[in-house]
């Protein structure tokens, strides 16, 4: 991943998919949708930043 990208995650309230968004910039009021079912999951400002240490360690961290 690129270090300048803003990475956020949010769980879809409908299908419970964990959506990870990585973008350069979005306005705080931008509506984001689930990548699986397409349902709106909230505004960009309501998403949660992903911890950087999780990204550096990879998908098998802590196992």
N, C-alpha and C. Protein backbone atom coordinates (compact mmCIF):
# COMPACT_ATOMS: atom_id res chain seq x y z
N UNK A 1 0.83 -1.18 0.00
CA UNK A 1 0.00 0.00 0.00
C UNK A 1 0.88 1.25 0.00
N UNK A 2 0.29 2.31 -0.43
CA UNK A 2 1.00 3.57 -0.48
C UNK A 2 0.86 4.29 0.86
N UNK A 3 1.94 4.84 1.38
CA UNK A 3 1.89 5.46 2.71
C UNK A 3 0.99 6.70 2.78
N UNK A 4 0.71 7.33 1.66
CA UNK A 4 -0.12 8.53 1.70
C UNK A 4 -1.61 8.22 1.65
N UNK A 5 -1.97 6.98 1.42
CA UNK A 5 -3.38 6.63 1.33
C UNK A 5 -4.02 6.58 2.71
N UNK A 6 -5.24 7.04 2.77
CA UNK A 6 -6.02 7.01 4.00
C UNK A 6 -6.80 5.70 3.98
N UNK A 7 -6.53 4.81 4.92
CA UNK A 7 -7.19 3.52 4.94
C UNK A 7 -8.17 3.45 6.09
N UNK A 8 -9.40 3.11 5.77
CA UNK A 8 -10.46 3.04 6.77
C UNK A 8 -11.22 1.74 6.60
N UNK A 9 -11.92 1.35 7.65
CA UNK A 9 -12.77 0.17 7.55
C UNK A 9 -14.10 0.40 8.25
N UNK A 10 -15.12 -0.28 7.76
CA UNK A 10 -16.45 -0.20 8.35
C UNK A 10 -17.17 -1.51 8.05
N UNK A 11 -17.96 -1.98 9.00
CA UNK A 11 -18.72 -3.21 8.84
C UNK A 11 -20.11 -2.87 8.32
N UNK A 12 -20.53 -3.59 7.28
CA UNK A 12 -21.86 -3.38 6.71
C UNK A 12 -22.92 -3.86 7.69
N UNK A 13 -23.91 -3.02 8.00
CA UNK A 13 -24.96 -3.44 8.93
C UNK A 13 -25.93 -4.47 8.33
N UNK A 14 -25.91 -4.64 7.02
CA UNK A 14 -26.83 -5.57 6.35
C UNK A 14 -26.22 -6.96 6.20
N UNK A 15 -25.03 -7.05 5.54
CA UNK A 15 -24.43 -8.36 5.28
C UNK A 15 -23.22 -8.65 6.16
N UNK A 16 -22.81 -7.70 6.99
CA UNK A 16 -21.72 -7.84 7.96
C UNK A 16 -20.34 -8.02 7.32
N UNK A 17 -20.19 -7.61 6.08
CA UNK A 17 -18.89 -7.63 5.41
C UNK A 17 -18.03 -6.51 5.97
N UNK A 18 -16.75 -6.79 6.24
CA UNK A 18 -15.82 -5.75 6.66
C UNK A 18 -15.29 -5.10 5.38
N UNK A 19 -15.65 -3.86 5.18
CA UNK A 19 -15.22 -3.11 4.00
C UNK A 19 -13.99 -2.30 4.34
N UNK A 20 -12.97 -2.40 3.50
CA UNK A 20 -11.74 -1.63 3.69
C UNK A 20 -11.63 -0.66 2.52
N UNK A 21 -11.55 0.61 2.84
CA UNK A 21 -11.45 1.65 1.83
C UNK A 21 -10.07 2.26 1.89
N UNK A 22 -9.41 2.38 0.74
CA UNK A 22 -8.09 3.01 0.67
C UNK A 22 -8.14 4.04 -0.46
N UNK A 23 -8.14 5.29 -0.07
CA UNK A 23 -8.25 6.37 -1.06
C UNK A 23 -7.30 7.51 -0.68
N UNK A 24 -7.04 8.36 -1.65
CA UNK A 24 -6.21 9.52 -1.39
C UNK A 24 -6.95 10.53 -0.53
N UNK A 25 -8.21 10.78 -0.86
CA UNK A 25 -8.99 11.76 -0.10
C UNK A 25 -10.46 11.65 -0.49
N UNK A 26 -11.33 11.74 0.49
CA UNK A 26 -12.77 11.85 0.26
C UNK A 26 -13.31 12.92 1.18
N UNK A 27 -14.31 13.69 0.74
CA UNK A 27 -14.94 14.65 1.64
C UNK A 27 -15.58 13.92 2.82
N UNK A 28 -15.63 14.55 3.97
CA UNK A 28 -16.17 13.93 5.18
C UNK A 28 -17.60 13.46 5.01
N UNK A 29 -18.36 14.16 4.17
CA UNK A 29 -19.77 13.79 4.01
C UNK A 29 -20.02 12.82 2.84
N UNK A 30 -18.95 12.30 2.23
CA UNK A 30 -19.11 11.35 1.12
C UNK A 30 -19.74 10.06 1.64
N UNK A 31 -20.72 9.55 0.91
CA UNK A 31 -21.40 8.33 1.28
C UNK A 31 -20.61 7.14 0.74
N UNK A 32 -20.31 6.16 1.61
CA UNK A 32 -19.60 4.96 1.17
C UNK A 32 -20.55 3.77 1.23
N UNK A 33 -20.38 2.85 0.29
CA UNK A 33 -21.27 1.70 0.18
C UNK A 33 -20.52 0.39 0.33
N UNK A 34 -21.22 -0.64 0.73
CA UNK A 34 -20.65 -1.97 0.91
C UNK A 34 -20.17 -2.52 -0.43
N UNK A 35 -18.98 -3.10 -0.44
CA UNK A 35 -18.42 -3.65 -1.66
C UNK A 35 -19.10 -4.97 -2.05
N UNK A 36 -19.80 -5.58 -1.12
CA UNK A 36 -20.45 -6.87 -1.39
C UNK A 36 -21.91 -6.70 -1.81
N UNK A 37 -22.71 -6.00 -1.00
CA UNK A 37 -24.15 -5.91 -1.28
C UNK A 37 -24.58 -4.56 -1.83
N UNK A 38 -23.70 -3.54 -1.77
CA UNK A 38 -24.01 -2.24 -2.33
C UNK A 38 -24.79 -1.31 -1.42
N UNK A 39 -25.13 -1.77 -0.23
CA UNK A 39 -25.88 -0.93 0.71
C UNK A 39 -25.01 0.20 1.24
N UNK A 40 -25.57 1.38 1.45
CA UNK A 40 -24.81 2.47 2.07
C UNK A 40 -24.41 2.07 3.50
N UNK A 41 -23.15 2.27 3.84
CA UNK A 41 -22.68 1.91 5.18
C UNK A 41 -22.37 3.13 6.04
N UNK A 42 -22.50 4.31 5.48
CA UNK A 42 -22.29 5.52 6.26
C UNK A 42 -21.49 6.56 5.51
N UNK A 43 -21.20 7.62 6.20
CA UNK A 43 -20.39 8.71 5.66
C UNK A 43 -18.92 8.41 5.91
N UNK A 44 -18.06 8.97 5.08
CA UNK A 44 -16.62 8.77 5.22
C UNK A 44 -16.15 9.14 6.62
N UNK A 45 -16.71 10.19 7.20
CA UNK A 45 -16.31 10.64 8.53
C UNK A 45 -16.71 9.65 9.62
N UNK A 46 -17.62 8.70 9.31
CA UNK A 46 -18.07 7.71 10.29
C UNK A 46 -17.28 6.40 10.22
N UNK A 47 -16.38 6.29 9.25
CA UNK A 47 -15.56 5.08 9.13
C UNK A 47 -14.42 5.14 10.14
N UNK A 48 -13.75 4.03 10.35
CA UNK A 48 -12.69 3.96 11.35
C UNK A 48 -11.34 3.73 10.68
N UNK A 49 -10.32 4.48 11.13
CA UNK A 49 -8.99 4.29 10.58
C UNK A 49 -8.46 2.92 10.93
N UNK A 50 -7.80 2.28 9.97
CA UNK A 50 -7.19 0.98 10.22
C UNK A 50 -5.87 1.20 10.95
N UNK A 51 -5.58 0.37 11.95
CA UNK A 51 -4.29 0.48 12.65
C UNK A 51 -3.14 0.18 11.70
N UNK A 52 -2.14 1.01 11.67
CA UNK A 52 -1.00 0.84 10.76
C UNK A 52 -0.20 -0.43 11.07
N UNK A 53 -0.10 -0.83 12.33
CA UNK A 53 0.70 -2.03 12.66
C UNK A 53 0.06 -3.28 12.05
N UNK A 54 -1.26 -3.33 11.93
CA UNK A 54 -1.92 -4.46 11.29
C UNK A 54 -1.52 -4.56 9.83
N UNK A 55 -1.40 -3.44 9.16
CA UNK A 55 -1.04 -3.43 7.75
C UNK A 55 0.41 -3.87 7.55
N UNK A 56 1.29 -3.46 8.45
CA UNK A 56 2.70 -3.78 8.31
C UNK A 56 2.98 -5.26 8.58
N UNK A 57 2.20 -5.87 9.46
CA UNK A 57 2.46 -7.25 9.83
C UNK A 57 1.83 -8.26 8.88
N UNK A 58 0.85 -7.84 8.12
CA UNK A 58 0.23 -8.74 7.16
C UNK A 58 -0.95 -9.49 7.74
N UNK A 59 -1.57 -10.35 6.92
CA UNK A 59 -2.81 -11.01 7.31
C UNK A 59 -2.66 -12.08 8.38
N UNK A 60 -1.44 -12.57 8.62
CA UNK A 60 -1.24 -13.64 9.59
C UNK A 60 -0.65 -13.14 10.91
N UNK A 61 -0.71 -11.84 11.12
CA UNK A 61 -0.16 -11.26 12.34
C UNK A 61 -0.92 -11.80 13.56
N UNK A 62 -0.17 -12.15 14.57
CA UNK A 62 -0.78 -12.61 15.81
C UNK A 62 -1.20 -14.06 15.81
N UNK A 63 -0.93 -14.80 14.73
CA UNK A 63 -1.32 -16.21 14.71
C UNK A 63 -0.17 -17.12 15.07
